[in-house]
Amino acid sequence: MFHKNIKLVLVAVLVILSVWQFSDNNIGNGIFLLLLTFFPIFLYFKNEFILLAFLKLRKQDFVGAKVWLDKIKKPESALVKKQQGYYNYLHGLMVSQTNLNQAEKFFKKAIELGLSMDMDLAVAKLNLAGIAMSRRRKIEATNLLNEAKKLDKQNMLKEQITMMKQQLKKI
């Protein structure tokens, strides 16, 4: 993984090289170098290790996802703010199976840093609502469930939200 600043320097170097190729009438080389700038720009906004961790989580491979996330050293300086949010979100998903205290911290930090997709934000709030329910914080859980319901525009979490609301009534 390259640091985010190295990716920007790489983009600048590729653009300079492409301009040089255009000035030498090597139009094909210049176009190719301009197209190559797409990859570092894409990887600046979407970290490669976070993408690989998402792929591992899709297959329910928590150990493999943790391996990819552990390769990110110093996420505060190496990642953009939204990537830090997803870094914490993924850690929260993995830790929620074992340690609720840590999971709550990770999910709150992810929400604070921001997640770009409403569905991910809804899942984070739903998990926080479950943690609040397990600690008998009914008002907080109700607020989080309502926020998750507003964010769930495709109704993918409808069953989980209604089930958690029924459990809240029993508390």
Protein backbone atom coordinates (compact mmCIF):
# COMPACT_ATOMS: atom_id res chain seq x y z
CA MET A 1 0.00 0.00 0.00
CA PHE A 2 1.26 3.41 -0.91
CA HIS A 3 0.70 6.37 1.37
CA LYS A 4 -1.98 8.76 0.11
CA ASN A 5 0.61 11.48 -0.59
CA ILE A 6 2.72 9.10 -2.66
CA LYS A 7 -0.34 8.34 -4.78
CA LEU A 8 -0.80 12.06 -5.45
CA VAL A 9 2.87 12.44 -6.39
CA LEU A 10 2.53 9.47 -8.74
CA VAL A 11 -0.46 11.15 -10.43
CA ALA A 12 1.52 14.37 -10.84
CA VAL A 13 4.49 12.50 -12.34
CA LEU A 14 2.25 10.62 -14.77
CA VAL A 15 0.54 13.83 -15.89
CA ILE A 16 3.92 15.55 -16.41
CA LEU A 17 5.17 12.55 -18.40
CA SER A 18 2.04 12.53 -20.55
CA VAL A 19 2.41 16.26 -21.29
CA TRP A 20 6.03 15.63 -22.25
CA GLN A 21 4.95 12.80 -24.56
CA PHE A 22 2.32 15.05 -26.17
CA SER A 23 4.94 17.75 -26.74
CA ASP A 24 7.24 15.19 -28.42
CA ASN A 25 4.36 14.22 -30.77
CA ASN A 26 4.00 10.80 -29.14
CA ILE A 27 0.24 11.13 -28.83
CA GLY A 28 -0.38 7.43 -28.14
CA ASN A 29 2.08 7.36 -25.24
CA GLY A 30 0.58 10.54 -23.83
CA ILE A 31 -2.94 9.14 -23.93
CA PHE A 32 -1.78 5.88 -22.34
CA LEU A 33 -0.03 7.75 -19.52
CA LEU A 34 -3.14 9.86 -18.93
CA LEU A 35 -5.22 6.69 -18.70
CA LEU A 36 -2.73 5.26 -16.21
CA THR A 37 -3.41 8.19 -13.87
CA PHE A 38 -6.88 6.71 -13.29
CA PHE A 39 -5.50 3.91 -11.07
CA PRO A 40 -3.68 6.01 -8.46
CA ILE A 41 -6.61 8.45 -8.37
CA PHE A 42 -9.04 5.57 -7.83
CA LEU A 43 -6.83 4.06 -5.14
CA TYR A 44 -6.55 7.44 -3.44
CA PHE A 45 -10.30 7.48 -2.82
CA LYS A 46 -10.79 3.71 -2.45
CA ASN A 47 -8.06 2.03 -0.43
CA GLU A 48 -7.02 -1.31 -1.87
CA PHE A 49 -6.79 -3.07 1.50
CA ILE A 50 -10.25 -1.90 2.52
CA LEU A 51 -11.65 -3.18 -0.78
CA LEU A 52 -9.98 -6.56 -0.23
CA ALA A 53 -11.32 -6.69 3.35
CA PHE A 54 -14.84 -6.03 2.01
CA LEU A 55 -14.44 -8.94 -0.41
CA LYS A 56 -13.36 -11.22 2.45
CA LEU A 57 -16.31 -10.11 4.60
CA ARG A 58 -18.69 -10.82 1.74
CA LYS A 59 -17.53 -14.45 1.97
CA GLN A 60 -17.89 -14.37 5.81
CA ASP A 61 -14.11 -14.75 6.18
CA PHE A 62 -13.52 -12.58 9.26
CA VAL A 63 -9.96 -13.80 9.75
CA GLY A 64 -9.01 -12.96 6.17
CA ALA A 65 -10.62 -9.53 6.45
CA LYS A 66 -8.70 -8.85 9.65
CA VAL A 67 -5.45 -9.81 7.90
CA TRP A 68 -6.09 -7.22 5.17
CA LEU A 69 -7.10 -4.51 7.65
CA ASP A 70 -4.04 -5.18 9.80
CA LYS A 71 -1.84 -4.34 6.82
CA ILE A 72 -2.94 -0.72 7.11
CA LYS A 73 -0.41 0.95 9.37
CA LYS A 74 -1.36 4.29 10.96
CA PRO A 75 -4.82 4.68 9.39
CA GLU A 76 -5.08 8.30 10.62
CA SER A 77 -2.30 9.42 8.29
CA ALA A 78 -2.52 6.83 5.51
CA LEU A 79 -6.26 7.05 4.79
CA VAL A 80 -8.67 9.75 3.69
CA LYS A 81 -11.42 10.63 6.21
CA LYS A 82 -14.12 8.46 4.55
CA GLN A 83 -11.67 5.56 4.34
CA GLN A 84 -11.01 5.92 8.06
CA GLY A 85 -14.77 5.67 8.57
CA TYR A 86 -14.90 2.41 6.62
CA TYR A 87 -11.80 1.14 8.40
CA ASN A 88 -13.59 1.60 11.74
CA TYR A 89 -16.85 0.24 10.30
CA LEU A 90 -15.17 -2.99 9.19
CA HIS A 91 -13.39 -3.37 12.51
CA GLY A 92 -16.73 -2.84 14.25
CA LEU A 93 -18.38 -5.55 12.17
CA MET A 94 -15.61 -8.03 12.97
CA VAL A 95 -15.36 -7.20 16.67
CA SER A 96 -19.14 -7.17 17.19
CA GLN A 97 -19.05 -10.97 17.28
CA THR A 98 -16.83 -11.03 20.36
CA ASN A 99 -16.46 -7.68 22.16
CA LEU A 100 -19.40 -5.26 22.33
CA ASN A 101 -17.43 -2.50 24.07
CA GLN A 102 -14.88 -2.27 21.27
CA ALA A 103 -17.56 -2.67 18.60
CA GLU A 104 -19.49 0.27 20.02
CA LYS A 105 -16.37 2.45 19.92
CA PHE A 106 -15.61 1.44 16.34
CA PHE A 107 -19.17 2.04 15.12
CA LYS A 108 -19.41 5.44 16.82
CA LYS A 109 -16.09 6.49 15.34
CA ALA A 110 -17.20 5.27 11.88
CA ILE A 111 -20.42 7.30 12.10
CA GLU A 112 -18.46 10.33 13.31
CA LEU A 113 -15.95 10.10 10.44
CA GLY A 114 -18.70 9.43 7.93
CA LEU A 115 -19.68 6.62 5.61
CA SER A 116 -20.49 7.38 1.99
CA MET A 117 -23.35 4.92 1.55
CA ASP A 118 -26.64 5.24 3.46
CA MET A 119 -26.92 1.47 3.72
CA ASP A 120 -23.60 1.19 5.55
CA LEU A 121 -24.62 3.99 7.88
CA ALA A 122 -27.94 2.21 8.54
CA VAL A 123 -26.12 -1.06 9.37
CA ALA A 124 -23.77 0.78 11.74
CA LYS A 125 -26.71 2.43 13.51
CA LEU A 126 -28.59 -0.87 13.65
CA ASN A 127 -25.61 -2.53 15.30
CA LEU A 128 -25.31 0.35 17.76
CA ALA A 129 -29.02 -0.02 18.52
CA GLY A 130 -28.46 -3.71 19.25
CA ILE A 131 -25.60 -2.87 21.58
CA ALA A 132 -27.72 -0.22 23.34
CA MET A 133 -30.54 -2.75 23.68
CA SER A 134 -28.25 -5.29 25.28
CA ARG A 135 -27.26 -2.63 27.83
CA ARG A 136 -30.88 -1.70 28.57
CA ARG A 137 -30.63 1.80 27.07
CA LYS A 138 -34.09 1.84 25.55
CA ILE A 139 -34.32 5.51 24.49
CA GLU A 140 -30.95 5.44 22.71
CA ALA A 141 -31.84 2.16 20.99
CA THR A 142 -35.19 3.54 19.83
CA ASN A 143 -33.56 6.67 18.39
CA LEU A 144 -30.92 4.63 16.58
CA LEU A 145 -33.52 2.25 15.17
CA ASN A 146 -35.57 5.19 13.84
CA GLU A 147 -32.47 6.68 12.22
CA ALA A 148 -31.59 3.31 10.68
CA LYS A 149 -35.14 2.98 9.34
CA LYS A 150 -34.88 6.42 7.66
CA LEU A 151 -31.55 5.48 6.08
CA ASP A 152 -32.80 2.09 4.83
CA LYS A 153 -34.36 3.25 1.57
CA GLN A 154 -34.41 -0.18 -0.10
CA ASN A 155 -36.03 -1.85 2.94
CA MET A 156 -33.23 -4.39 3.17
CA LEU A 157 -33.09 -4.11 6.96
CA LYS A 158 -36.85 -3.98 7.49
CA GLU A 159 -37.07 -7.40 9.13
CA GLN A 160 -34.19 -6.76 11.51
CA ILE A 161 -35.58 -3.35 12.50
CA THR A 162 -39.07 -4.72 13.21
CA MET A 163 -37.61 -7.64 15.15
CA MET A 164 -35.50 -5.29 17.27
CA LYS A 165 -38.51 -3.01 17.89
CA GLN A 166 -40.48 -6.01 19.14
CA GLN A 167 -37.62 -6.91 21.46
CA LEU A 168 -37.53 -3.32 22.70
CA LYS A 169 -41.18 -3.59 23.75
CA LYS A 170 -40.27 -6.52 26.01
CA ILE A 171 -37.63 -4.47 27.83
